[in-house]
């Protein structure tokens, strides 16, 4: 089980996310102001999937009517999709795969990704 609270750093500012719900294979953590939510969920069947997701929400200007505000949301998540843990890959191999992707996501790569380059 993930510790409570979780911490996520956004633009050099650490956000404390206390646990707001948990299940057998899931947990959710949310900032006190509701601006950030971190979710962790695992499912299994023919394939096993583990998802960690960070959502954010804010109120911003309506581009069509600047006198009114609208709610906006954005999400980023990582999905580990694999055969059942006993088949094909070791935990260490799956950890290496995740670390490879995380290491790949450096500032220059993220800038290109958000800029829709491929």
N, C-alpha and C. Protein backbone atom coordinates (compact mmCIF):
# COMPACT_ATOMS: atom_id res chain seq x y z
N UNK A 1 0.85 -1.17 0.00
CA UNK A 1 0.00 0.00 0.00
C UNK A 1 0.90 1.24 0.00
N UNK A 2 0.53 2.21 -0.79
CA UNK A 2 1.26 3.47 -0.85
C UNK A 2 1.08 4.21 0.47
N UNK A 3 2.11 4.94 0.87
CA UNK A 3 2.02 5.69 2.13
C UNK A 3 1.05 6.86 1.97
N UNK A 4 0.62 7.38 3.09
CA UNK A 4 -0.33 8.49 3.11
C UNK A 4 0.28 9.61 3.92
N UNK A 5 0.47 10.80 3.37
CA UNK A 5 0.07 11.24 2.03
C UNK A 5 1.16 10.95 1.00
N UNK A 6 0.80 11.10 -0.27
CA UNK A 6 1.75 11.07 -1.36
C UNK A 6 2.14 12.51 -1.66
N UNK A 7 3.29 12.69 -2.31
CA UNK A 7 3.75 14.03 -2.66
C UNK A 7 4.13 14.05 -4.14
N UNK A 8 3.66 15.06 -4.84
CA UNK A 8 3.98 15.26 -6.25
C UNK A 8 4.49 16.69 -6.40
N UNK A 9 5.61 16.85 -7.11
CA UNK A 9 6.17 18.18 -7.30
C UNK A 9 5.75 18.72 -8.67
N UNK A 10 5.09 19.86 -8.66
CA UNK A 10 4.61 20.53 -9.86
C UNK A 10 5.29 21.89 -9.92
N UNK A 11 6.05 22.16 -10.98
CA UNK A 11 6.74 23.44 -11.15
C UNK A 11 7.53 23.81 -9.90
N UNK A 12 8.30 22.87 -9.40
CA UNK A 12 9.19 22.98 -8.23
C UNK A 12 8.46 23.13 -6.89
N UNK A 13 7.14 22.99 -6.87
CA UNK A 13 6.38 23.10 -5.63
C UNK A 13 5.80 21.73 -5.27
N UNK A 14 6.16 21.22 -4.10
CA UNK A 14 5.64 19.92 -3.66
C UNK A 14 4.17 20.06 -3.26
N UNK A 15 3.37 19.14 -3.75
CA UNK A 15 1.94 19.11 -3.43
C UNK A 15 1.69 17.88 -2.57
N UNK A 16 1.11 18.07 -1.40
CA UNK A 16 0.76 16.97 -0.52
C UNK A 16 -0.61 16.44 -0.92
N UNK A 17 -0.69 15.13 -1.14
CA UNK A 17 -1.93 14.51 -1.58
C UNK A 17 -2.33 13.42 -0.58
N UNK A 18 -3.16 13.75 0.40
CA UNK A 18 -3.63 12.75 1.35
C UNK A 18 -4.55 11.73 0.68
N UNK A 19 -4.56 10.51 1.22
CA UNK A 19 -5.42 9.45 0.70
C UNK A 19 -6.88 9.83 0.93
N UNK A 20 -7.69 9.69 -0.14
CA UNK A 20 -9.13 9.97 -0.01
C UNK A 20 -9.97 8.72 -0.22
N UNK A 21 -9.37 7.67 -0.82
CA UNK A 21 -10.10 6.41 -0.97
C UNK A 21 -9.10 5.29 -1.22
N UNK A 22 -9.55 4.08 -0.92
CA UNK A 22 -8.73 2.90 -1.22
C UNK A 22 -9.64 1.70 -1.40
N UNK A 23 -9.14 0.77 -2.19
CA UNK A 23 -9.85 -0.48 -2.44
C UNK A 23 -8.84 -1.60 -2.40
N UNK A 24 -9.26 -2.80 -2.81
CA UNK A 24 -8.34 -3.94 -2.79
C UNK A 24 -7.13 -3.70 -3.68
N UNK A 25 -7.34 -3.12 -4.84
CA UNK A 25 -6.25 -2.91 -5.79
C UNK A 25 -6.23 -1.48 -6.32
N UNK A 26 -6.63 -0.51 -5.48
CA UNK A 26 -6.66 0.87 -5.93
C UNK A 26 -6.51 1.83 -4.76
N UNK A 27 -6.07 3.02 -5.08
CA UNK A 27 -5.96 4.07 -4.09
C UNK A 27 -6.05 5.41 -4.79
N UNK A 28 -6.57 6.39 -4.08
CA UNK A 28 -6.68 7.73 -4.65
C UNK A 28 -6.25 8.75 -3.60
N UNK A 29 -5.49 9.75 -4.07
CA UNK A 29 -4.92 10.79 -3.21
C UNK A 29 -5.28 12.14 -3.82
N UNK A 30 -5.68 13.11 -2.97
CA UNK A 30 -6.13 14.39 -3.52
C UNK A 30 -5.61 15.55 -2.67
N UNK A 31 -5.21 16.62 -3.35
CA UNK A 31 -4.81 17.84 -2.66
C UNK A 31 -6.02 18.44 -1.96
N UNK A 32 -5.79 19.13 -0.87
CA UNK A 32 -6.90 19.68 -0.09
C UNK A 32 -7.75 20.65 -0.88
N UNK A 33 -7.15 21.34 -1.86
CA UNK A 33 -7.93 22.27 -2.68
C UNK A 33 -8.57 21.60 -3.90
N UNK A 34 -8.34 20.30 -4.07
CA UNK A 34 -8.94 19.56 -5.18
C UNK A 34 -8.26 19.78 -6.51
N UNK A 35 -7.16 20.52 -6.54
CA UNK A 35 -6.51 20.85 -7.81
C UNK A 35 -5.76 19.66 -8.41
N UNK A 36 -5.31 18.71 -7.58
CA UNK A 36 -4.55 17.56 -8.08
C UNK A 36 -5.09 16.28 -7.45
N UNK A 37 -5.20 15.23 -8.28
CA UNK A 37 -5.61 13.91 -7.82
C UNK A 37 -4.67 12.88 -8.40
N UNK A 38 -4.14 12.02 -7.55
CA UNK A 38 -3.27 10.93 -7.97
C UNK A 38 -4.03 9.63 -7.75
N UNK A 39 -4.14 8.81 -8.80
CA UNK A 39 -4.84 7.53 -8.70
C UNK A 39 -3.89 6.40 -9.07
N UNK A 40 -4.00 5.30 -8.33
CA UNK A 40 -3.23 4.09 -8.61
C UNK A 40 -4.22 2.94 -8.66
N UNK A 41 -4.18 2.15 -9.75
CA UNK A 41 -5.15 1.07 -9.90
C UNK A 41 -4.51 -0.12 -10.60
N UNK A 42 -4.86 -1.32 -10.15
CA UNK A 42 -4.35 -2.56 -10.75
C UNK A 42 -5.53 -3.45 -11.11
N UNK A 43 -5.47 -4.03 -12.31
CA UNK A 43 -6.48 -5.00 -12.73
C UNK A 43 -5.76 -6.22 -13.30
N UNK A 44 -6.41 -7.36 -13.23
CA UNK A 44 -5.80 -8.56 -13.80
C UNK A 44 -6.85 -9.43 -14.46
N UNK A 45 -6.38 -10.19 -15.41
CA UNK A 45 -7.18 -11.11 -16.21
C UNK A 45 -6.21 -11.81 -17.13
N UNK A 46 -6.51 -11.84 -18.42
CA UNK A 46 -5.55 -12.39 -19.38
C UNK A 46 -4.28 -11.54 -19.41
N UNK A 47 -4.44 -10.24 -19.15
CA UNK A 47 -3.31 -9.31 -19.05
C UNK A 47 -3.43 -8.62 -17.70
N UNK A 48 -2.31 -8.17 -17.19
CA UNK A 48 -2.32 -7.37 -15.98
C UNK A 48 -2.05 -5.93 -16.35
N UNK A 49 -2.81 -5.03 -15.77
CA UNK A 49 -2.63 -3.60 -16.03
C UNK A 49 -2.51 -2.86 -14.72
N UNK A 50 -1.51 -2.02 -14.66
CA UNK A 50 -1.30 -1.14 -13.52
C UNK A 50 -1.24 0.27 -14.06
N UNK A 51 -2.01 1.16 -13.46
CA UNK A 51 -2.11 2.54 -13.94
C UNK A 51 -1.81 3.49 -12.78
N UNK A 52 -0.94 4.46 -13.05
CA UNK A 52 -0.77 5.58 -12.13
C UNK A 52 -1.13 6.83 -12.94
N UNK A 53 -2.00 7.64 -12.38
CA UNK A 53 -2.57 8.77 -13.13
C UNK A 53 -2.58 10.02 -12.26
N UNK A 54 -2.19 11.13 -12.85
CA UNK A 54 -2.24 12.42 -12.16
C UNK A 54 -3.18 13.34 -12.94
N UNK A 55 -4.21 13.81 -12.26
CA UNK A 55 -5.19 14.72 -12.85
C UNK A 55 -5.06 16.09 -12.21
N UNK A 56 -5.31 17.12 -12.99
CA UNK A 56 -5.36 18.48 -12.45
C UNK A 56 -6.61 19.18 -12.98
N UNK A 57 -7.07 20.12 -12.20
CA UNK A 57 -8.24 20.91 -12.60
C UNK A 57 -8.01 22.35 -12.18
N UNK A 58 -8.57 23.26 -12.96
CA UNK A 58 -8.47 24.67 -12.62
C UNK A 58 -9.61 25.43 -13.28
N UNK A 59 -9.80 26.64 -12.86
CA UNK A 59 -10.79 27.54 -13.45
C UNK A 59 -9.99 28.59 -14.21
N UNK A 60 -10.37 28.83 -15.47
CA UNK A 60 -9.67 29.81 -16.29
C UNK A 60 -10.63 30.57 -17.18
N UNK A 61 -10.09 31.56 -17.83
CA UNK A 61 -10.91 32.43 -18.69
C UNK A 61 -11.49 31.66 -19.87
N UNK A 62 -12.71 32.00 -20.22
CA UNK A 62 -13.37 31.47 -21.40
C UNK A 62 -12.80 32.23 -22.61
N UNK A 63 -12.16 31.54 -23.57
CA UNK A 63 -11.57 32.26 -24.71
C UNK A 63 -12.62 32.95 -25.59
N UNK A 64 -13.86 32.51 -25.51
CA UNK A 64 -14.92 33.13 -26.32
C UNK A 64 -15.62 34.27 -25.59
N UNK A 65 -15.52 34.27 -24.27
CA UNK A 65 -16.13 35.33 -23.46
C UNK A 65 -15.27 35.55 -22.22
N UNK A 66 -14.27 36.45 -22.32
CA UNK A 66 -13.33 36.66 -21.21
C UNK A 66 -13.97 37.13 -19.91
N UNK A 67 -15.24 37.51 -19.95
CA UNK A 67 -15.90 37.94 -18.72
C UNK A 67 -16.39 36.74 -17.90
N UNK A 68 -16.29 35.53 -18.47
CA UNK A 68 -16.74 34.32 -17.79
C UNK A 68 -15.59 33.33 -17.68
N UNK A 69 -15.62 32.53 -16.65
CA UNK A 69 -14.61 31.49 -16.44
C UNK A 69 -15.20 30.11 -16.72
N UNK A 70 -14.31 29.18 -17.06
CA UNK A 70 -14.70 27.81 -17.32
C UNK A 70 -13.80 26.86 -16.53
N UNK A 71 -14.30 25.66 -16.20
CA UNK A 71 -13.43 24.66 -15.59
C UNK A 71 -12.61 23.96 -16.68
N UNK A 72 -11.34 23.69 -16.39
CA UNK A 72 -10.45 22.98 -17.30
C UNK A 72 -9.80 21.82 -16.55
N UNK A 73 -9.56 20.71 -17.25
CA UNK A 73 -8.89 19.56 -16.66
C UNK A 73 -7.81 19.04 -17.60
N UNK A 74 -6.82 18.37 -17.03
CA UNK A 74 -5.77 17.71 -17.80
C UNK A 74 -5.30 16.50 -17.00
N UNK A 75 -4.80 15.48 -17.70
CA UNK A 75 -4.34 14.25 -17.05
C UNK A 75 -3.09 13.74 -17.73
N UNK A 76 -2.26 13.06 -16.96
CA UNK A 76 -1.12 12.32 -17.50
C UNK A 76 -1.09 10.99 -16.76
N UNK A 77 -0.82 9.91 -17.50
CA UNK A 77 -0.79 8.62 -16.84
C UNK A 77 0.14 7.65 -17.54
N UNK A 78 0.56 6.67 -16.75
CA UNK A 78 1.42 5.60 -17.25
C UNK A 78 0.68 4.29 -17.01
N UNK A 79 0.66 3.44 -18.04
CA UNK A 79 0.02 2.14 -17.95
C UNK A 79 1.08 1.07 -18.16
N UNK A 80 1.17 0.16 -17.22
CA UNK A 80 2.00 -1.03 -17.40
C UNK A 80 1.07 -2.15 -17.78
N UNK A 81 1.21 -2.64 -18.99
CA UNK A 81 0.38 -3.73 -19.52
C UNK A 81 1.31 -4.91 -19.75
N UNK A 82 1.03 -6.04 -19.09
CA UNK A 82 1.92 -7.19 -19.20
C UNK A 82 1.13 -8.48 -19.05
N UNK A 83 1.77 -9.60 -19.43
CA UNK A 83 1.14 -10.89 -19.14
C UNK A 83 1.08 -11.07 -17.63
N UNK A 84 0.31 -12.04 -17.16
CA UNK A 84 0.30 -12.29 -15.72
C UNK A 84 1.72 -12.41 -15.18
N UNK A 85 1.97 -11.91 -13.98
CA UNK A 85 3.31 -11.81 -13.40
C UNK A 85 4.12 -13.11 -13.47
N UNK A 86 3.45 -14.23 -13.53
CA UNK A 86 4.18 -15.49 -13.55
C UNK A 86 4.61 -15.89 -14.96
N UNK A 87 4.27 -15.11 -15.98
CA UNK A 87 4.56 -15.50 -17.36
C UNK A 87 5.34 -14.43 -18.10
N UNK A 88 6.51 -14.81 -18.61
CA UNK A 88 7.21 -13.97 -19.57
C UNK A 88 8.21 -12.97 -19.05
N UNK A 89 7.86 -12.17 -18.05
CA UNK A 89 8.74 -11.12 -17.57
C UNK A 89 8.89 -11.21 -16.05
N UNK A 90 10.06 -10.89 -15.57
CA UNK A 90 10.26 -10.78 -14.12
C UNK A 90 9.85 -9.38 -13.68
N UNK A 91 9.64 -9.23 -12.39
CA UNK A 91 9.34 -7.90 -11.85
C UNK A 91 10.47 -6.93 -12.17
N UNK A 92 11.71 -7.41 -12.08
CA UNK A 92 12.87 -6.56 -12.36
C UNK A 92 12.86 -6.07 -13.81
N UNK A 93 12.48 -6.93 -14.74
CA UNK A 93 12.43 -6.53 -16.15
C UNK A 93 11.36 -5.47 -16.37
N UNK A 94 10.22 -5.61 -15.72
CA UNK A 94 9.15 -4.62 -15.86
C UNK A 94 9.55 -3.30 -15.20
N UNK A 95 10.23 -3.37 -14.07
CA UNK A 95 10.73 -2.16 -13.43
C UNK A 95 11.73 -1.44 -14.34
N UNK A 96 12.62 -2.21 -14.99
CA UNK A 96 13.58 -1.62 -15.92
C UNK A 96 12.88 -0.93 -17.08
N UNK A 97 11.79 -1.52 -17.58
CA UNK A 97 11.04 -0.93 -18.68
C UNK A 97 10.44 0.42 -18.27
N UNK A 98 9.85 0.46 -17.09
CA UNK A 98 9.27 1.72 -16.59
C UNK A 98 10.36 2.76 -16.40
N UNK A 99 11.47 2.37 -15.77
CA UNK A 99 12.57 3.30 -15.55
C UNK A 99 13.14 3.83 -16.86
N UNK A 100 13.17 2.98 -17.90
CA UNK A 100 13.63 3.43 -19.21
C UNK A 100 12.75 4.53 -19.76
N UNK A 101 11.44 4.38 -19.63
CA UNK A 101 10.53 5.42 -20.12
C UNK A 101 10.65 6.69 -19.29
N UNK A 102 10.70 6.55 -17.98
CA UNK A 102 10.82 7.72 -17.11
C UNK A 102 12.12 8.48 -17.41
N UNK A 103 13.22 7.76 -17.59
CA UNK A 103 14.50 8.40 -17.91
C UNK A 103 14.46 9.09 -19.27
N UNK A 104 13.71 8.52 -20.20
CA UNK A 104 13.57 9.10 -21.54
C UNK A 104 12.87 10.46 -21.49
N UNK A 105 11.96 10.61 -20.54
CA UNK A 105 11.16 11.83 -20.45
C UNK A 105 11.93 12.96 -19.78
N UNK A 106 12.97 13.43 -20.45
CA UNK A 106 13.74 14.58 -19.98
C UNK A 106 13.06 15.86 -20.47
N UNK A 107 13.52 17.00 -19.97
CA UNK A 107 12.92 18.28 -20.36
C UNK A 107 12.83 18.47 -21.87
N UNK A 108 13.91 18.24 -22.66
CA UNK A 108 13.78 18.46 -24.11
C UNK A 108 12.74 17.54 -24.75
N UNK A 109 12.67 16.29 -24.29
CA UNK A 109 11.70 15.35 -24.84
C UNK A 109 10.28 15.76 -24.49
N UNK A 110 10.07 16.20 -23.26
CA UNK A 110 8.73 16.62 -22.84
C UNK A 110 8.28 17.84 -23.63
N UNK A 111 9.18 18.78 -23.84
CA UNK A 111 8.84 19.99 -24.63
C UNK A 111 8.38 19.59 -26.02
N UNK A 112 9.09 18.68 -26.66
CA UNK A 112 8.71 18.22 -28.00
C UNK A 112 7.39 17.48 -27.97
N UNK A 113 7.20 16.64 -26.95
CA UNK A 113 5.96 15.86 -26.82
C UNK A 113 4.75 16.78 -26.64
N UNK A 114 4.86 17.73 -25.73
CA UNK A 114 3.74 18.67 -25.50
C UNK A 114 3.52 19.54 -26.74
N UNK A 115 4.59 19.81 -27.51
CA UNK A 115 4.49 20.57 -28.74
C UNK A 115 4.00 19.76 -29.93
N UNK A 116 3.57 18.53 -29.69
CA UNK A 116 2.98 17.65 -30.70
C UNK A 116 3.99 17.11 -31.73
N UNK A 117 5.28 17.13 -31.38
CA UNK A 117 6.27 16.53 -32.29
C UNK A 117 6.22 15.01 -32.14
N UNK A 118 6.67 14.33 -33.20
CA UNK A 118 6.70 12.86 -33.12
C UNK A 118 7.92 12.33 -33.86
